[in-house]
Every structure is written in C-alpha cells, then in structure tokens.
Amino acid sequence: MTDSKNINNPVGQGGGQRKKLSRAERQNNGPHRNLDRQDAADRKAELVRKMREKARGAEATVTPDDDGKN
C-alpha cells in the first residue's frame, strides 16, 4: 500500500543497494589511490631532478683552488 520511511527503505532517496566493494577498496586501496601514488611519485621525481640540477650548479661554482687550504 504505502512505502515505509525507515532506514531500510528511504522513500525518494534513490534506493538501490550499496555497491559491492572489493577487498582492496574496503581497505582504502581503490583505483583512486593508484592515481594518488602516481602523482606523488611524479612530484618526487621532479623534486629530485631540481635538487640534482641545483647541486650540479653549486659544484660548478666551486674551484679546486678554493678548498679552504693555505
């Protein structure tokens, strides 16, 4: 006759069952996390590249005569 409005049958709330989550998704290791890991790896690689370039620039400015010995 009429639909009840309890937690198991919310009228007008889209209904349906919850998506079946894989074990990895239940542990918060879903596909979105793979993208986050890739993004973090890309940022780390870029940071390492910049640090190496900066270190090479610093090495080029140091001369062998400028080692602090007299």
PDB file of N, CA and C in Angstrom:
ATOM      1  N   MET A   1       0.817  -1.169   0.000  1.00  0.00           N
ATOM      2  CA  MET A   1       0.000   0.000   0.000  1.00  0.00           C
ATOM      3  C   MET A   1       0.877   1.254   0.000  1.00  0.00           C
ATOM      4  N   THR A   2       1.382   1.665   1.138  1.00  0.00           N
ATOM      5  CA  THR A   2       2.283   2.813   1.187  1.00  0.00           C
ATOM      6  C   THR A   2       3.669   2.325   1.562  1.00  0.00           C
ATOM      7  N   ASP A   3       4.653   3.040   1.106  1.00  0.00           N
ATOM      8  CA  ASP A   3       6.028   2.694   1.449  1.00  0.00           C
ATOM      9  C   ASP A   3       6.376   3.270   2.805  1.00  0.00           C
ATOM     10  N   SER A   4       7.069   2.483   3.592  1.00  0.00           N
ATOM     11  CA  SER A   4       7.505   2.991   4.888  1.00  0.00           C
ATOM     12  C   SER A   4       8.758   3.834   4.693  1.00  0.00           C
ATOM     13  N   LYS A   5       9.014   4.719   5.631  1.00  0.00           N
ATOM     14  CA  LYS A   5      10.171   5.598   5.544  1.00  0.00           C
ATOM     15  C   LYS A   5      11.207   5.229   6.593  1.00  0.00           C
ATOM     16  N   ASN A   6      11.490   3.947   6.733  1.00  0.00           N
ATOM     17  CA  ASN A   6      12.523   3.562   7.683  1.00  0.00           C
ATOM     18  C   ASN A   6      13.894   3.551   7.001  1.00  0.00           C
ATOM     19  N   ILE A   7      14.923   3.226   7.734  1.00  0.00           N
ATOM     20  CA  ILE A   7      16.297   3.278   7.230  1.00  0.00           C
ATOM     21  C   ILE A   7      16.526   2.293   6.080  1.00  0.00           C
ATOM     22  N   ASN A   8      15.764   1.195   6.057  1.00  0.00           N
ATOM     23  CA  ASN A   8      15.962   0.192   5.015  1.00  0.00           C
ATOM     24  C   ASN A   8      15.233   0.538   3.725  1.00  0.00           C
ATOM     25  N   ASN A   9      14.306   1.469   3.775  1.00  0.00           N
ATOM     26  CA  ASN A   9      13.536   1.826   2.592  1.00  0.00           C
ATOM     27  C   ASN A   9      13.298   3.339   2.562  1.00  0.00           C
ATOM     28  N   PRO A  10      14.341   4.117   2.331  1.00  0.00           N
ATOM     29  CA  PRO A  10      14.158   5.564   2.336  1.00  0.00           C
ATOM     30  C   PRO A  10      13.460   6.023   1.056  1.00  0.00           C
ATOM     31  N   VAL A  11      12.248   6.512   1.185  1.00  0.00           N
ATOM     32  CA  VAL A  11      11.469   6.940   0.028  1.00  0.00           C
ATOM     33  C   VAL A  11      12.097   8.199  -0.560  1.00  0.00           C
ATOM     34  N   GLY A  12      12.300   8.190  -1.867  1.00  0.00           N
ATOM     35  CA  GLY A  12      12.842   9.356  -2.543  1.00  0.00           C
ATOM     36  C   GLY A  12      14.335   9.541  -2.383  1.00  0.00           C
ATOM     37  N   GLN A  13      15.031   8.564  -1.877  1.00  0.00           N
ATOM     38  CA  GLN A  13      16.470   8.689  -1.665  1.00  0.00           C
ATOM     39  C   GLN A  13      17.283   7.937  -2.704  1.00  0.00           C
ATOM     40  N   GLY A  14      16.684   7.555  -3.794  1.00  0.00           N
ATOM     41  CA  GLY A  14      17.433   6.874  -4.840  1.00  0.00           C
ATOM     42  C   GLY A  14      17.438   5.376  -4.685  1.00  0.00           C
ATOM     43  N   GLY A  15      17.148   4.898  -3.501  1.00  0.00           N
ATOM     44  CA  GLY A  15      17.021   3.460  -3.276  1.00  0.00           C
ATOM     45  C   GLY A  15      18.208   2.660  -3.773  1.00  0.00           C
ATOM     46  N   GLY A  16      17.984   1.406  -4.013  1.00  0.00           N
ATOM     47  CA  GLY A  16      19.032   0.546  -4.547  1.00  0.00           C
ATOM     48  C   GLY A  16      19.963   0.037  -3.476  1.00  0.00           C
ATOM     49  N   GLN A  17      20.799  -0.897  -3.862  1.00  0.00           N
ATOM     50  CA  GLN A  17      21.733  -1.484  -2.911  1.00  0.00           C
ATOM     51  C   GLN A  17      23.071  -0.790  -3.010  1.00  0.00           C
ATOM     52  N   ARG A  18      23.849  -0.963  -1.988  1.00  0.00           N
ATOM     53  CA  ARG A  18      25.193  -0.391  -1.989  1.00  0.00           C
ATOM     54  C   ARG A  18      26.076  -1.164  -2.944  1.00  0.00           C
ATOM     55  N   LYS A  19      27.051  -0.466  -3.490  1.00  0.00           N
ATOM     56  CA  LYS A  19      27.989  -1.093  -4.408  1.00  0.00           C
ATOM     57  C   LYS A  19      28.815  -2.133  -3.659  1.00  0.00           C
ATOM     58  N   LYS A  20      29.031  -3.268  -4.286  1.00  0.00           N
ATOM     59  CA  LYS A  20      29.880  -4.291  -3.698  1.00  0.00           C
ATOM     60  C   LYS A  20      31.329  -3.829  -3.822  1.00  0.00           C
ATOM     61  N   LEU A  21      31.995  -3.663  -2.697  1.00  0.00           N
ATOM     62  CA  LEU A  21      33.369  -3.190  -2.698  1.00  0.00           C
ATOM     63  C   LEU A  21      34.324  -4.377  -2.682  1.00  0.00           C
ATOM     64  N   SER A  22      35.380  -4.257  -3.443  1.00  0.00           N
ATOM     65  CA  SER A  22      36.406  -5.295  -3.418  1.00  0.00           C
ATOM     66  C   SER A  22      37.170  -5.196  -2.104  1.00  0.00           C
ATOM     67  N   ARG A  23      37.961  -6.189  -1.833  1.00  0.00           N
ATOM     68  CA  ARG A  23      38.738  -6.186  -0.588  1.00  0.00           C
ATOM     69  C   ARG A  23      39.679  -4.982  -0.545  1.00  0.00           C
ATOM     70  N   ALA A  24      40.325  -4.677  -1.671  1.00  0.00           N
ATOM     71  CA  ALA A  24      41.243  -3.546  -1.725  1.00  0.00           C
ATOM     72  C   ALA A  24      40.507  -2.232  -1.484  1.00  0.00           C
ATOM     73  N   GLU A  25      39.314  -2.102  -2.052  1.00  0.00           N
ATOM     74  CA  GLU A  25      38.547  -0.871  -1.857  1.00  0.00           C
ATOM     75  C   GLU A  25      38.080  -0.738  -0.415  1.00  0.00           C
ATOM     76  N   ARG A  26      37.747  -1.845   0.222  1.00  0.00           N
ATOM     77  CA  ARG A  26      37.362  -1.788   1.632  1.00  0.00           C
ATOM     78  C   ARG A  26      38.533  -1.333   2.494  1.00  0.00           C
ATOM     79  N   GLN A  27      39.739  -1.605   2.067  1.00  0.00           N
ATOM     80  CA  GLN A  27      40.934  -1.212   2.813  1.00  0.00           C
ATOM     81  C   GLN A  27      41.470   0.128   2.323  1.00  0.00           C
ATOM     82  N   ASN A  28      40.647   0.858   1.590  1.00  0.00           N
ATOM     83  CA  ASN A  28      41.013   2.185   1.076  1.00  0.00           C
ATOM     84  C   ASN A  28      42.181   2.114   0.092  1.00  0.00           C
ATOM     85  N   ASN A  29      42.219   1.070  -0.719  1.00  0.00           N
ATOM     86  CA  ASN A  29      43.250   0.930  -1.736  1.00  0.00           C
ATOM     87  C   ASN A  29      42.614   0.906  -3.121  1.00  0.00           C
ATOM     88  N   GLY A  30      41.579   1.681  -3.322  1.00  0.00           N
ATOM     89  CA  GLY A  30      40.849   1.665  -4.576  1.00  0.00           C
ATOM     90  C   GLY A  30      41.646   2.274  -5.714  1.00  0.00           C
ATOM     91  N   PRO A  31      41.046   2.354  -6.886  1.00  0.00           N
ATOM     92  CA  PRO A  31      41.758   2.882  -8.061  1.00  0.00           C
ATOM     93  C   PRO A  31      42.192   4.329  -7.895  1.00  0.00           C
ATOM     94  N   HIS A  32      41.449   5.105  -7.083  1.00  0.00           N
ATOM     95  CA  HIS A  32      41.848   6.497  -6.873  1.00  0.00           C
ATOM     96  C   HIS A  32      43.192   6.583  -6.165  1.00  0.00           C
ATOM     97  N   ARG A  33      43.496   5.604  -5.313  1.00  0.00           N
ATOM     98  CA  ARG A  33      44.763   5.638  -4.584  1.00  0.00           C
ATOM     99  C   ARG A  33      45.944   5.411  -5.525  1.00  0.00           C
ATOM    100  N   ASN A  34      45.743   4.576  -6.559  1.00  0.00           N
ATOM    101  CA  ASN A  34      46.818   4.354  -7.527  1.00  0.00           C
ATOM    102  C   ASN A  34      47.177   5.659  -8.225  1.00  0.00           C
ATOM    103  N   LEU A  35      46.166   6.464  -8.544  1.00  0.00           N
ATOM    104  CA  LEU A  35      46.427   7.759  -9.176  1.00  0.00           C
ATOM    105  C   LEU A  35      47.158   8.684  -8.211  1.00  0.00           C
ATOM    106  N   ASP A  36      46.783   8.659  -6.942  1.00  0.00           N
ATOM    107  CA  ASP A  36      47.459   9.483  -5.948  1.00  0.00           C
ATOM    108  C   ASP A  36      48.921   9.079  -5.811  1.00  0.00           C
ATOM    109  N   ARG A  37      49.170   7.778  -5.815  1.00  0.00           N
ATOM    110  CA  ARG A  37      50.555   7.300  -5.709  1.00  0.00           C
ATOM    111  C   ARG A  37      51.372   7.733  -6.919  1.00  0.00           C
ATOM    112  N   GLN A  38      50.777   7.641  -8.109  1.00  0.00           N
ATOM    113  CA  GLN A  38      51.492   8.037  -9.324  1.00  0.00           C
ATOM    114  C   GLN A  38      51.795   9.532  -9.289  1.00  0.00           C
ATOM    115  N   ASP A  39      50.829  10.330  -8.848  1.00  0.00           N
ATOM    116  CA  ASP A  39      51.024  11.773  -8.755  1.00  0.00           C
ATOM    117  C   ASP A  39      52.138  12.093  -7.767  1.00  0.00           C
ATOM    118  N   ALA A  40      52.146  11.410  -6.631  1.00  0.00           N
ATOM    119  CA  ALA A  40      53.193  11.634  -5.636  1.00  0.00           C
ATOM    120  C   ALA A  40      54.559  11.228  -6.179  1.00  0.00           C
ATOM    121  N   ALA A  41      54.623  10.139  -6.916  1.00  0.00           N
ATOM    122  CA  ALA A  41      55.892   9.691  -7.497  1.00  0.00           C
ATOM    123  C   ALA A  41      56.392  10.697  -8.532  1.00  0.00           C
ATOM    124  N   ASP A  42      55.476  11.252  -9.314  1.00  0.00           N
ATOM    125  CA  ASP A  42      55.860  12.257 -10.307  1.00  0.00           C
ATOM    126  C   ASP A  42      56.419  13.506  -9.628  1.00  0.00           C
ATOM    127  N   ARG A  43      55.743  13.951  -8.560  1.00  0.00           N
ATOM    128  CA  ARG A  43      56.214  15.142  -7.854  1.00  0.00           C
ATOM    129  C   ARG A  43      57.569  14.892  -7.205  1.00  0.00           C
ATOM    130  N   LYS A  44      57.780  13.689  -6.663  1.00  0.00           N
ATOM    131  CA  LYS A  44      59.063  13.363  -6.044  1.00  0.00           C
ATOM    132  C   LYS A  44      60.169  13.345  -7.087  1.00  0.00           C
ATOM    133  N   ALA A  45      59.887  12.753  -8.249  1.00  0.00           N
ATOM    134  CA  ALA A  45      60.891  12.701  -9.317  1.00  0.00           C
ATOM    135  C   ALA A  45      61.267  14.106  -9.775  1.00  0.00           C
ATOM    136  N   GLU A  46      60.274  14.986  -9.875  1.00  0.00           N
ATOM    137  CA  GLU A  46      60.545  16.372 -10.283  1.00  0.00           C
ATOM    138  C   GLU A  46      61.381  17.083  -9.216  1.00  0.00           C
ATOM    139  N   LEU A  47      61.079  16.867  -7.952  1.00  0.00           N
ATOM    140  CA  LEU A  47      61.845  17.483  -6.878  1.00  0.00           C
ATOM    141  C   LEU A  47      63.284  16.990  -6.878  1.00  0.00           C
ATOM    142  N   VAL A  48      63.481  15.696  -7.054  1.00  0.00           N
ATOM    143  CA  VAL A  48      64.833  15.135  -7.095  1.00  0.00           C
ATOM    144  C   VAL A  48      65.612  15.705  -8.274  1.00  0.00           C
ATOM    145  N   ARG A  49      64.947  15.830  -9.426  1.00  0.00           N
ATOM    146  CA  ARG A  49      65.616  16.391 -10.597  1.00  0.00           C
ATOM    147  C   ARG A  49      66.067  17.827 -10.324  1.00  0.00           C
ATOM    148  N   LYS A  50      65.197  18.633  -9.707  1.00  0.00           N
ATOM    149  CA  LYS A  50      65.543  20.024  -9.404  1.00  0.00           C
ATOM    150  C   LYS A  50      66.697  20.096  -8.407  1.00  0.00           C
ATOM    151  N   MET A  51      66.677  19.215  -7.410  1.00  0.00           N
ATOM    152  CA  MET A  51      67.751  19.226  -6.407  1.00  0.00           C
ATOM    153  C   MET A  51      69.081  18.844  -7.041  1.00  0.00           C
ATOM    154  N   ARG A  52      69.062  17.867  -7.954  1.00  0.00           N
ATOM    155  CA  ARG A  52      70.313  17.465  -8.618  1.00  0.00           C
ATOM    156  C   ARG A  52      70.854  18.582  -9.502  1.00  0.00           C
ATOM    157  N   GLU A  53      69.947  19.277 -10.206  1.00  0.00           N
ATOM    158  CA  GLU A  53      70.392  20.396 -11.035  1.00  0.00           C
ATOM    159  C   GLU A  53      70.999  21.490 -10.176  1.00  0.00           C
ATOM    160  N   LYS A  54      70.391  21.760  -9.039  1.00  0.00           N
ATOM    161  CA  LYS A  54      70.900  22.785  -8.133  1.00  0.00           C
ATOM    162  C   LYS A  54      72.265  22.375  -7.583  1.00  0.00           C
ATOM    163  N   ALA A  55      72.410  21.087  -7.245  1.00  0.00           N
ATOM    164  CA  ALA A  55      73.687  20.597  -6.728  1.00  0.00           C
ATOM    165  C   ALA A  55      74.772  20.682  -7.799  1.00  0.00           C
ATOM    166  N   ARG A  56      74.431  20.369  -9.031  1.00  0.00           N
ATOM    167  CA  ARG A  56      75.409  20.487 -10.124  1.00  0.00           C
ATOM    168  C   ARG A  56      75.831  21.932 -10.313  1.00  0.00           C
ATOM    169  N   GLY A  57      74.903  22.850 -10.183  1.00  0.00           N
ATOM    170  CA  GLY A  57      75.228  24.274 -10.310  1.00  0.00           C
ATOM    171  C   GLY A  57      76.165  24.733  -9.203  1.00  0.00           C
ATOM    172  N   ALA A  58      75.959  24.230  -7.998  1.00  0.00           N
ATOM    173  CA  ALA A  58      76.816  24.583  -6.870  1.00  0.00           C
ATOM    174  C   ALA A  58      78.206  23.984  -7.051  1.00  0.00           C
ATOM    175  N   GLU A  59      78.298  22.785  -7.607  1.00  0.00           N
ATOM    176  CA  GLU A  59      79.595  22.152  -7.837  1.00  0.00           C
ATOM    177  C   GLU A  59      80.383  22.912  -8.900  1.00  0.00           C
ATOM    178  N   ALA A  60      79.697  23.451  -9.877  1.00  0.00           N
ATOM    179  CA  ALA A  60      80.375  24.172 -10.954  1.00  0.00           C
ATOM    180  C   ALA A  60      80.988  25.468 -10.454  1.00  0.00           C
ATOM    181  N   THR A  61      80.433  26.074  -9.425  1.00  0.00           N
ATOM    182  CA  THR A  61      80.960  27.338  -8.918  1.00  0.00           C
ATOM    183  C   THR A  61      82.155  27.127  -8.004  1.00  0.00           C
ATOM    184  N   VAL A  62      82.329  25.924  -7.437  1.00  0.00           N
ATOM    185  CA  VAL A  62      83.471  25.637  -6.556  1.00  0.00           C
ATOM    186  C   VAL A  62      84.668  25.280  -7.430  1.00  0.00           C
ATOM    187  N   THR A  63      85.794  25.965  -7.202  1.00  0.00           N
ATOM    188  CA  THR A  63      87.013  25.669  -7.957  1.00  0.00           C
ATOM    189  C   THR A  63      87.943  24.828  -7.101  1.00  0.00           C
ATOM    190  N   PRO A  64      88.843  24.066  -7.719  1.00  0.00           N
ATOM    191  CA  PRO A  64      89.768  23.222  -6.949  1.00  0.00           C
ATOM    192  C   PRO A  64      90.681  24.030  -6.043  1.00  0.00           C
ATOM    193  N   ASP A  65      91.021  25.287  -6.408  1.00  0.00           N
ATOM    194  CA  ASP A  65      91.895  26.124  -5.582  1.00  0.00           C
ATOM    195  C   ASP A  65      91.151  26.662  -4.379  1.00  0.00           C
ATOM    196  N   ASP A  66      89.848  26.609  -4.393  1.00  0.00           N
ATOM    197  CA  ASP A  66      89.032  27.201  -3.338  1.00  0.00           C
ATOM    198  C   ASP A  66      88.585  26.117  -2.350  1.00  0.00           C
ATOM    199  N   ASP A  67      89.532  25.294  -1.885  1.00  0.00           N
ATOM    200  CA  ASP A  67      89.171  24.218  -0.965  1.00  0.00           C
ATOM    201  C   ASP A  67      89.392  24.596   0.493  1.00  0.00           C
ATOM    202  N   GLY A  68      89.846  25.806   0.760  1.00  0.00           N
ATOM    203  CA  GLY A  68      89.998  26.280   2.131  1.00  0.00           C
ATOM    204  C   GLY A  68      91.363  26.017   2.723  1.00  0.00           C
ATOM    205  N   LYS A  69      92.262  25.431   1.981  1.00  0.00           N
ATOM    206  CA  LYS A  69      93.611  25.153   2.491  1.00  0.00           C
ATOM    207  C   LYS A  69      94.568  26.258   2.020  1.00  0.00           C
ATOM    208  N   ASN A  70      95.521  26.629   2.891  1.00  0.00           N
ATOM    209  CA  ASN A  70      96.525  27.670   2.528  1.00  0.00           C
ATOM    210  C   ASN A  70      97.892  27.086   2.492  1.00  0.00           C
TER     211      ASN A  70
END
